[in-house]
PDB file of N, CA and C in Angstrom:
ATOM      1  N   UNK A   1      -9.764 -42.074 -54.943  1.00  0.00           N
ATOM      2  CA  UNK A   1      -8.951 -43.005 -54.813  1.00  0.00           C
ATOM      3  C   UNK A   1      -8.779 -43.999 -55.663  1.00  0.00           C
ATOM      4  N   UNK A   2      -7.731 -44.981 -55.776  1.00  0.00           N
ATOM      5  CA  UNK A   2      -7.496 -45.719 -56.978  1.00  0.00           C
ATOM      6  C   UNK A   2      -6.956 -47.057 -56.339  1.00  0.00           C
ATOM      7  N   UNK A   3      -7.433 -48.088 -56.979  1.00  0.00           N
ATOM      8  CA  UNK A   3      -7.038 -49.696 -56.778  1.00  0.00           C
ATOM      9  C   UNK A   3      -5.833 -50.177 -57.213  1.00  0.00           C
ATOM     10  N   UNK A   4      -4.991 -50.542 -56.583  1.00  0.00           N
ATOM     11  CA  UNK A   4      -3.974 -51.186 -57.384  1.00  0.00           C
ATOM     12  C   UNK A   4      -3.575 -52.412 -56.763  1.00  0.00           C
ATOM     13  N   UNK A   5      -3.144 -53.387 -57.584  1.00  0.00           N
ATOM     14  CA  UNK A   5      -2.722 -54.725 -57.124  1.00  0.00           C
ATOM     15  C   UNK A   5      -1.034 -54.701 -56.705  1.00  0.00           C
ATOM     16  N   UNK A   6      -0.491 -55.132 -55.629  1.00  0.00           N
ATOM     17  CA  UNK A   6       1.021 -55.183 -55.301  1.00  0.00           C
ATOM     18  C   UNK A   6       1.170 -56.608 -55.173  1.00  0.00           C
ATOM     19  N   UNK A   7       2.130 -56.967 -56.179  1.00  0.00           N
ATOM     20  CA  UNK A   7       2.682 -58.301 -56.003  1.00  0.00           C
ATOM     21  C   UNK A   7       4.105 -58.342 -55.624  1.00  0.00           C
ATOM     22  N   UNK A   8       4.446 -59.271 -54.931  1.00  0.00           N
ATOM     23  CA  UNK A   8       5.819 -59.575 -54.127  1.00  0.00           C
ATOM     24  C   UNK A   8       6.412 -60.751 -54.357  1.00  0.00           C
ATOM     25  N   UNK A   9       7.605 -61.173 -54.567  1.00  0.00           N
ATOM     26  CA  UNK A   9       8.198 -62.276 -54.840  1.00  0.00           C
ATOM     27  C   UNK A   9       9.439 -62.483 -53.717  1.00  0.00           C
ATOM     28  N   UNK A  10       9.661 -63.802 -53.854  1.00  0.00           N
ATOM     29  CA  UNK A  10      10.684 -64.432 -52.946  1.00  0.00           C
ATOM     30  C   UNK A  10      10.988 -63.857 -51.547  1.00  0.00           C
ATOM     31  N   UNK A  11      11.862 -63.130 -51.251  1.00  0.00           N
ATOM     32  CA  UNK A  11      12.139 -62.607 -49.467  1.00  0.00           C
ATOM     33  C   UNK A  11      10.924 -61.510 -49.273  1.00  0.00           C
ATOM     34  N   UNK A  12      10.618 -60.906 -50.195  1.00  0.00           N
ATOM     35  CA  UNK A  12       9.564 -60.078 -49.961  1.00  0.00           C
ATOM     36  C   UNK A  12       8.268 -60.359 -49.802  1.00  0.00           C
ATOM     37  N   UNK A  13       7.995 -61.547 -50.592  1.00  0.00           N
ATOM     38  CA  UNK A  13       6.769 -62.287 -50.316  1.00  0.00           C
ATOM     39  C   UNK A  13       6.879 -62.871 -48.737  1.00  0.00           C
ATOM     40  N   UNK A  14       7.903 -63.308 -48.562  1.00  0.00           N
ATOM     41  CA  UNK A  14       7.913 -64.053 -47.210  1.00  0.00           C
ATOM     42  C   UNK A  14       7.657 -63.163 -46.179  1.00  0.00           C
ATOM     43  N   UNK A  15       8.235 -61.894 -46.228  1.00  0.00           N
ATOM     44  CA  UNK A  15       8.061 -60.836 -45.383  1.00  0.00           C
ATOM     45  C   UNK A  15       6.771 -60.198 -45.215  1.00  0.00           C
ATOM     46  N   UNK A  16       6.090 -60.130 -46.394  1.00  0.00           N
ATOM     47  CA  UNK A  16       4.562 -59.376 -46.530  1.00  0.00           C
ATOM     48  C   UNK A  16       3.481 -60.739 -46.008  1.00  0.00           C
ATOM     49  N   UNK A  17       3.828 -61.997 -46.176  1.00  0.00           N
ATOM     50  CA  UNK A  17       3.188 -63.070 -45.996  1.00  0.00           C
ATOM     51  C   UNK A  17       1.952 -63.285 -47.030  1.00  0.00           C
ATOM     52  N   UNK A  18       1.984 -62.995 -48.062  1.00  0.00           N
ATOM     53  CA  UNK A  18       1.109 -62.883 -49.311  1.00  0.00           C
ATOM     54  C   UNK A  18       2.025 -62.628 -50.776  1.00  0.00           C
ATOM     55  N   UNK A  19       1.240 -63.148 -51.511  1.00  0.00           N
ATOM     56  CA  UNK A  19       2.031 -62.867 -53.131  1.00  0.00           C
ATOM     57  C   UNK A  19       1.629 -61.484 -53.574  1.00  0.00           C
ATOM     58  N   UNK A  20       0.025 -61.193 -53.097  1.00  0.00           N
ATOM     59  CA  UNK A  20      -0.452 -60.110 -53.795  1.00  0.00           C
ATOM     60  C   UNK A  20      -1.293 -59.449 -52.737  1.00  0.00           C
ATOM     61  N   UNK A  21      -1.567 -58.367 -52.958  1.00  0.00           N
ATOM     62  CA  UNK A  21      -2.395 -57.400 -51.958  1.00  0.00           C
ATOM     63  C   UNK A  21      -2.959 -56.258 -52.762  1.00  0.00           C
ATOM     64  N   UNK A  22      -4.363 -56.202 -52.665  1.00  0.00           N
ATOM     65  CA  UNK A  22      -4.727 -55.015 -53.167  1.00  0.00           C
ATOM     66  C   UNK A  22      -5.313 -53.774 -52.411  1.00  0.00           C
ATOM     67  N   UNK A  23      -4.515 -52.795 -52.665  1.00  0.00           N
ATOM     68  CA  UNK A  23      -4.753 -51.735 -51.884  1.00  0.00           C
ATOM     69  C   UNK A  23      -5.392 -50.509 -52.411  1.00  0.00           C
ATOM     70  N   UNK A  24      -6.178 -49.844 -51.769  1.00  0.00           N
ATOM     71  CA  UNK A  24      -6.490 -48.226 -52.391  1.00  0.00           C
ATOM     72  C   UNK A  24      -5.624 -47.178 -51.807  1.00  0.00           C
ATOM     73  N   UNK A  25      -5.375 -46.338 -53.018  1.00  0.00           N
ATOM     74  CA  UNK A  25      -4.405 -45.280 -52.543  1.00  0.00           C
ATOM     75  C   UNK A  25      -5.126 -43.835 -53.061  1.00  0.00           C
ATOM     76  N   UNK A  26      -4.780 -42.901 -52.874  1.00  0.00           N
ATOM     77  CA  UNK A  26      -5.013 -41.463 -53.012  1.00  0.00           C
ATOM     78  C   UNK A  26      -4.706 -41.372 -54.614  1.00  0.00           C
ATOM     79  N   UNK A  27      -5.451 -40.412 -55.148  1.00  0.00           N
ATOM     80  CA  UNK A  27      -5.152 -40.359 -56.765  1.00  0.00           C
ATOM     81  C   UNK A  27      -3.836 -39.796 -56.871  1.00  0.00           C
ATOM     82  N   UNK A  28      -3.129 -39.825 -57.810  1.00  0.00           N
ATOM     83  CA  UNK A  28      -1.908 -39.079 -57.823  1.00  0.00           C
ATOM     84  C   UNK A  28      -0.480 -39.928 -56.839  1.00  0.00           C
ATOM     85  N   UNK A  29      -0.918 -41.126 -56.530  1.00  0.00           N
ATOM     86  CA  UNK A  29       0.006 -41.592 -55.336  1.00  0.00           C
ATOM     87  C   UNK A  29       1.143 -42.157 -56.663  1.00  0.00           C
ATOM     88  N   UNK A  30       2.030 -42.666 -55.896  1.00  0.00           N
ATOM     89  CA  UNK A  30       3.456 -43.151 -56.629  1.00  0.00           C
ATOM     90  C   UNK A  30       3.815 -44.750 -56.182  1.00  0.00           C
ATOM     91  N   UNK A  31       4.463 -45.624 -56.655  1.00  0.00           N
ATOM     92  CA  UNK A  31       4.883 -46.592 -56.647  1.00  0.00           C
ATOM     93  C   UNK A  31       5.741 -46.508 -55.210  1.00  0.00           C
ATOM     94  N   UNK A  32       6.238 -45.462 -55.057  1.00  0.00           N
ATOM     95  CA  UNK A  32       6.704 -45.323 -53.318  1.00  0.00           C
ATOM     96  C   UNK A  32       5.633 -45.355 -52.354  1.00  0.00           C
ATOM     97  N   UNK A  33       4.663 -44.853 -52.799  1.00  0.00           N
ATOM     98  CA  UNK A  33       3.653 -44.455 -51.819  1.00  0.00           C
ATOM     99  C   UNK A  33       3.137 -46.084 -51.519  1.00  0.00           C
ATOM    100  N   UNK A  34       2.744 -46.630 -52.648  1.00  0.00           N
ATOM    101  CA  UNK A  34       2.398 -48.030 -52.826  1.00  0.00           C
ATOM    102  C   UNK A  34       3.774 -49.130 -51.940  1.00  0.00           C
ATOM    103  N   UNK A  35       4.577 -48.834 -52.126  1.00  0.00           N
ATOM    104  CA  UNK A  35       5.722 -49.531 -51.270  1.00  0.00           C
ATOM    105  C   UNK A  35       5.545 -49.291 -49.593  1.00  0.00           C
ATOM    106  N   UNK A  36       5.317 -47.942 -49.715  1.00  0.00           N
ATOM    107  CA  UNK A  36       5.019 -47.471 -48.053  1.00  0.00           C
ATOM    108  C   UNK A  36       3.777 -48.304 -47.696  1.00  0.00           C
ATOM    109  N   UNK A  37       3.062 -48.784 -48.348  1.00  0.00           N
ATOM    110  CA  UNK A  37       1.925 -49.566 -47.526  1.00  0.00           C
ATOM    111  C   UNK A  37       2.108 -50.643 -47.439  1.00  0.00           C
ATOM    112  N   UNK A  38       3.071 -51.387 -48.255  1.00  0.00           N
ATOM    113  CA  UNK A  38       3.420 -52.887 -47.759  1.00  0.00           C
ATOM    114  C   UNK A  38       4.608 -52.683 -46.552  1.00  0.00           C
ATOM    115  N   UNK A  39       5.260 -51.260 -46.073  1.00  0.00           N
ATOM    116  CA  UNK A  39       6.198 -51.267 -45.313  1.00  0.00           C
ATOM    117  C   UNK A  39       5.326 -51.372 -43.872  1.00  0.00           C
ATOM    118  N   UNK A  40       4.236 -50.714 -44.137  1.00  0.00           N
ATOM    119  CA  UNK A  40       3.215 -50.637 -42.845  1.00  0.00           C
ATOM    120  C   UNK A  40       2.903 -52.116 -42.360  1.00  0.00           C
ATOM    121  N   UNK A  41       2.659 -53.177 -43.584  1.00  0.00           N
ATOM    122  CA  UNK A  41       2.297 -54.383 -43.082  1.00  0.00           C
ATOM    123  C   UNK A  41       3.602 -55.122 -42.721  1.00  0.00           C
ATOM    124  N   UNK A  42       4.741 -54.689 -43.151  1.00  0.00           N
ATOM    125  CA  UNK A  42       5.806 -55.761 -43.041  1.00  0.00           C
ATOM    126  C   UNK A  42       7.078 -54.572 -42.940  1.00  0.00           C
ATOM    127  N   UNK A  43       7.132 -54.094 -41.807  1.00  0.00           N
ATOM    128  CA  UNK A  43       8.329 -53.100 -41.810  1.00  0.00           C
ATOM    129  C   UNK A  43       9.758 -53.684 -41.871  1.00  0.00           C
ATOM    130  N   UNK A  44      10.048 -54.739 -41.412  1.00  0.00           N
ATOM    131  CA  UNK A  44      11.310 -55.349 -41.998  1.00  0.00           C
ATOM    132  C   UNK A  44      11.398 -55.207 -43.421  1.00  0.00           C
ATOM    133  N   UNK A  45      10.620 -54.800 -44.444  1.00  0.00           N
ATOM    134  CA  UNK A  45      11.173 -54.568 -45.845  1.00  0.00           C
ATOM    135  C   UNK A  45      11.905 -53.078 -45.938  1.00  0.00           C
ATOM    136  N   UNK A  46      11.940 -52.368 -44.983  1.00  0.00           N
ATOM    137  CA  UNK A  46      12.603 -50.934 -44.948  1.00  0.00           C
ATOM    138  C   UNK A  46      14.071 -51.479 -45.405  1.00  0.00           C
ATOM    139  N   UNK A  47      14.710 -52.411 -44.811  1.00  0.00           N
ATOM    140  CA  UNK A  47      15.937 -52.744 -45.295  1.00  0.00           C
ATOM    141  C   UNK A  47      16.198 -53.323 -46.780  1.00  0.00           C
ATOM    142  N   UNK A  48      15.106 -53.300 -47.494  1.00  0.00           N
ATOM    143  CA  UNK A  48      15.369 -54.098 -49.298  1.00  0.00           C
ATOM    144  C   UNK A  48      14.830 -52.743 -49.762  1.00  0.00           C
ATOM    145  N   UNK A  49      14.706 -51.443 -49.404  1.00  0.00           N
ATOM    146  CA  UNK A  49      14.006 -50.395 -50.029  1.00  0.00           C
ATOM    147  C   UNK A  49      14.974 -50.176 -51.376  1.00  0.00           C
ATOM    148  N   UNK A  50      16.503 -49.942 -50.917  1.00  0.00           N
ATOM    149  CA  UNK A  50      17.332 -49.600 -51.866  1.00  0.00           C
ATOM    150  C   UNK A  50      17.714 -50.726 -52.856  1.00  0.00           C
ATOM    151  N   UNK A  51      17.438 -51.957 -52.609  1.00  0.00           N
ATOM    152  CA  UNK A  51      17.852 -52.888 -53.353  1.00  0.00           C
ATOM    153  C   UNK A  51      16.866 -53.721 -54.353  1.00  0.00           C
ATOM    154  N   UNK A  52      15.344 -53.080 -54.071  1.00  0.00           N
ATOM    155  CA  UNK A  52      14.267 -53.743 -54.524  1.00  0.00           C
ATOM    156  C   UNK A  52      14.087 -53.095 -55.964  1.00  0.00           C
ATOM    157  N   UNK A  53      13.872 -53.830 -57.210  1.00  0.00           N
ATOM    158  CA  UNK A  53      13.302 -53.335 -58.215  1.00  0.00           C
ATOM    159  C   UNK A  53      12.018 -53.366 -58.553  1.00  0.00           C
ATOM    160  N   UNK A  54      11.286 -52.576 -59.136  1.00  0.00           N
ATOM    161  CA  UNK A  54       9.940 -52.522 -59.485  1.00  0.00           C
ATOM    162  C   UNK A  54       9.682 -52.526 -60.896  1.00  0.00           C
ATOM    163  N   UNK A  55       8.330 -53.312 -61.097  1.00  0.00           N
ATOM    164  CA  UNK A  55       7.702 -53.334 -62.650  1.00  0.00           C
ATOM    165  C   UNK A  55       6.233 -52.914 -62.457  1.00  0.00           C
ATOM    166  N   UNK A  56       5.911 -52.061 -63.380  1.00  0.00           N
ATOM    167  CA  UNK A  56       4.407 -51.745 -63.295  1.00  0.00           C
ATOM    168  C   UNK A  56       3.977 -52.283 -64.731  1.00  0.00           C
ATOM    169  N   UNK A  57       2.925 -53.016 -64.324  1.00  0.00           N
ATOM    170  CA  UNK A  57       2.129 -53.673 -65.574  1.00  0.00           C
ATOM    171  C   UNK A  57       3.338 -54.473 -66.473  1.00  0.00           C
ATOM    172  N   UNK A  58       4.028 -55.128 -65.749  1.00  0.00           N
ATOM    173  CA  UNK A  58       5.221 -56.048 -66.692  1.00  0.00           C
ATOM    174  C   UNK A  58       6.041 -54.930 -67.190  1.00  0.00           C
ATOM    175  N   UNK A  59       6.382 -53.740 -66.955  1.00  0.00           N
ATOM    176  CA  UNK A  59       7.523 -52.878 -67.695  1.00  0.00           C
ATOM    177  C   UNK A  59       8.261 -52.355 -66.574  1.00  0.00           C
ATOM    178  N   UNK A  60       9.477 -52.521 -66.438  1.00  0.00           N
ATOM    179  CA  UNK A  60      10.234 -51.752 -65.312  1.00  0.00           C
ATOM    180  C   UNK A  60      10.077 -50.683 -65.394  1.00  0.00           C
ATOM    181  N   UNK A  61       9.828 -50.043 -63.823  1.00  0.00           N
ATOM    182  CA  UNK A  61       9.465 -48.789 -63.671  1.00  0.00           C
ATOM    183  C   UNK A  61      10.344 -48.045 -62.388  1.00  0.00           C
ATOM    184  N   UNK A  62      10.041 -46.705 -61.991  1.00  0.00           N
ATOM    185  CA  UNK A  62      10.708 -46.157 -61.057  1.00  0.00           C
ATOM    186  C   UNK A  62       9.839 -46.004 -59.619  1.00  0.00           C
ATOM    187  N   UNK A  63      10.488 -45.727 -58.786  1.00  0.00           N
ATOM    188  CA  UNK A  63       9.595 -45.785 -57.395  1.00  0.00           C
ATOM    189  C   UNK A  63       8.768 -44.319 -57.639  1.00  0.00           C
ATOM    190  N   UNK A  64       9.109 -43.245 -58.032  1.00  0.00           N
ATOM    191  CA  UNK A  64       8.867 -41.927 -58.390  1.00  0.00           C
ATOM    192  C   UNK A  64       7.342 -42.052 -59.591  1.00  0.00           C
ATOM    193  N   UNK A  65       7.187 -43.261 -60.111  1.00  0.00           N
ATOM    194  CA  UNK A  65       6.095 -43.278 -61.280  1.00  0.00           C
ATOM    195  C   UNK A  65       4.970 -43.014 -60.561  1.00  0.00           C
ATOM    196  N   UNK A  66       4.049 -42.516 -61.174  1.00  0.00           N
ATOM    197  CA  UNK A  66       2.802 -42.170 -60.963  1.00  0.00           C
ATOM    198  C   UNK A  66       1.816 -43.391 -61.276  1.00  0.00           C
ATOM    199  N   UNK A  67       0.815 -43.933 -60.281  1.00  0.00           N
ATOM    200  CA  UNK A  67      -0.004 -44.960 -60.653  1.00  0.00           C
ATOM    201  C   UNK A  67      -1.273 -44.604 -61.031  1.00  0.00           C
ATOM    202  N   UNK A  68      -2.080 -45.513 -61.568  1.00  0.00           N
ATOM    203  CA  UNK A  68      -3.120 -45.274 -62.330  1.00  0.00           C
ATOM    204  C   UNK A  68      -3.994 -46.595 -61.847  1.00  0.00           C
ATOM    205  N   UNK A  69      -5.602 -46.212 -61.607  1.00  0.00           N
ATOM    206  CA  UNK A  69      -6.584 -47.241 -61.372  1.00  0.00           C
ATOM    207  C   UNK A  69      -6.072 -48.497 -62.016  1.00  0.00           C
ATOM    208  N   UNK A  70      -6.029 -49.460 -61.430  1.00  0.00           N
ATOM    209  CA  UNK A  70      -5.953 -51.070 -62.224  1.00  0.00           C
ATOM    210  C   UNK A  70      -4.456 -51.546 -62.183  1.00  0.00           C
ATOM    211  N   UNK A  71      -3.495 -50.578 -61.801  1.00  0.00           N
ATOM    212  CA  UNK A  71      -2.361 -50.859 -62.052  1.00  0.00           C
ATOM    213  C   UNK A  71      -1.718 -52.414 -61.382  1.00  0.00           C
ATOM    214  N   UNK A  72      -0.899 -53.038 -61.919  1.00  0.00           N
ATOM    215  CA  UNK A  72      -0.222 -54.207 -61.002  1.00  0.00           C
ATOM    216  C   UNK A  72       1.069 -53.424 -60.663  1.00  0.00           C
ATOM    217  N   UNK A  73       1.616 -53.809 -59.803  1.00  0.00           N
ATOM    218  CA  UNK A  73       2.753 -53.434 -59.320  1.00  0.00           C
ATOM    219  C   UNK A  73       3.649 -54.485 -58.933  1.00  0.00           C
ATOM    220  N   UNK A  74       4.749 -54.848 -59.517  1.00  0.00           N
ATOM    221  CA  UNK A  74       5.531 -56.042 -58.827  1.00  0.00           C
ATOM    222  C   UNK A  74       6.891 -55.422 -58.125  1.00  0.00           C
ATOM    223  N   UNK A  75       7.013 -56.065 -56.930  1.00  0.00           N
ATOM    224  CA  UNK A  75       8.406 -55.663 -56.183  1.00  0.00           C
ATOM    225  C   UNK A  75       9.250 -56.963 -56.261  1.00  0.00           C
ATOM    226  N   UNK A  76       9.873 -56.583 -56.753  1.00  0.00           N
ATOM    227  CA  UNK A  76      11.188 -57.706 -57.253  1.00  0.00           C
ATOM    228  C   UNK A  76      12.602 -57.272 -56.212  1.00  0.00           C
ATOM    229  N   UNK A  77      12.919 -58.808 -55.670  1.00  0.00           N
ATOM    230  CA  UNK A  77      14.037 -58.571 -54.873  1.00  0.00           C
ATOM    231  C   UNK A  77      15.126 -58.672 -55.445  1.00  0.00           C
ATOM    232  N   UNK A  78      16.555 -58.243 -54.706  1.00  0.00           N
ATOM    233  CA  UNK A  78      17.634 -58.557 -55.590  1.00  0.00           C
ATOM    234  C   UNK A  78      17.923 -60.089 -55.979  1.00  0.00           C
ATOM    235  N   UNK A  79      18.375 -60.472 -56.900  1.00  0.00           N
ATOM    236  CA  UNK A  79      18.567 -61.616 -57.219  1.00  0.00           C
ATOM    237  C   UNK A  79      19.959 -61.847 -58.046  1.00  0.00           C
ATOM    238  N   UNK A  80      20.596 -63.090 -58.071  1.00  0.00           N
ATOM    239  CA  UNK A  80      21.910 -63.062 -58.799  1.00  0.00           C
ATOM    240  C   UNK A  80      21.904 -64.335 -59.305  1.00  0.00           C
ATOM    241  N   UNK A  81      22.668 -64.852 -59.997  1.00  0.00           N
ATOM    242  CA  UNK A  81      22.684 -65.929 -61.110  1.00  0.00           C
ATOM    243  C   UNK A  81      23.860 -66.291 -61.671  1.00  0.00           C
ATOM    244  N   UNK A  82      23.888 -67.308 -62.533  1.00  0.00           N
ATOM    245  CA  UNK A  82      25.160 -67.063 -63.509  1.00  0.00           C
ATOM    246  C   UNK A  82      25.073 -68.309 -64.297  1.00  0.00           C
TER     247      UNK A  82
END
């Protein structure tokens, strides 16, 4: 097992109910697996899956990237501005 911290912001944080969650995942888990853990806690996140961006340890990443012990994963909702 490996331990990672999942951080969420804005609408995602509101749906999860916390800004950070520590989870244990099997070795060789991906960011998509971590997102699945958040979906268990907040099923309404499913509608945001395709528009959510992700960063791993401060660097933009992809949902199929493999996680390592101690990673910090940030789920970033769509945002606009100008």
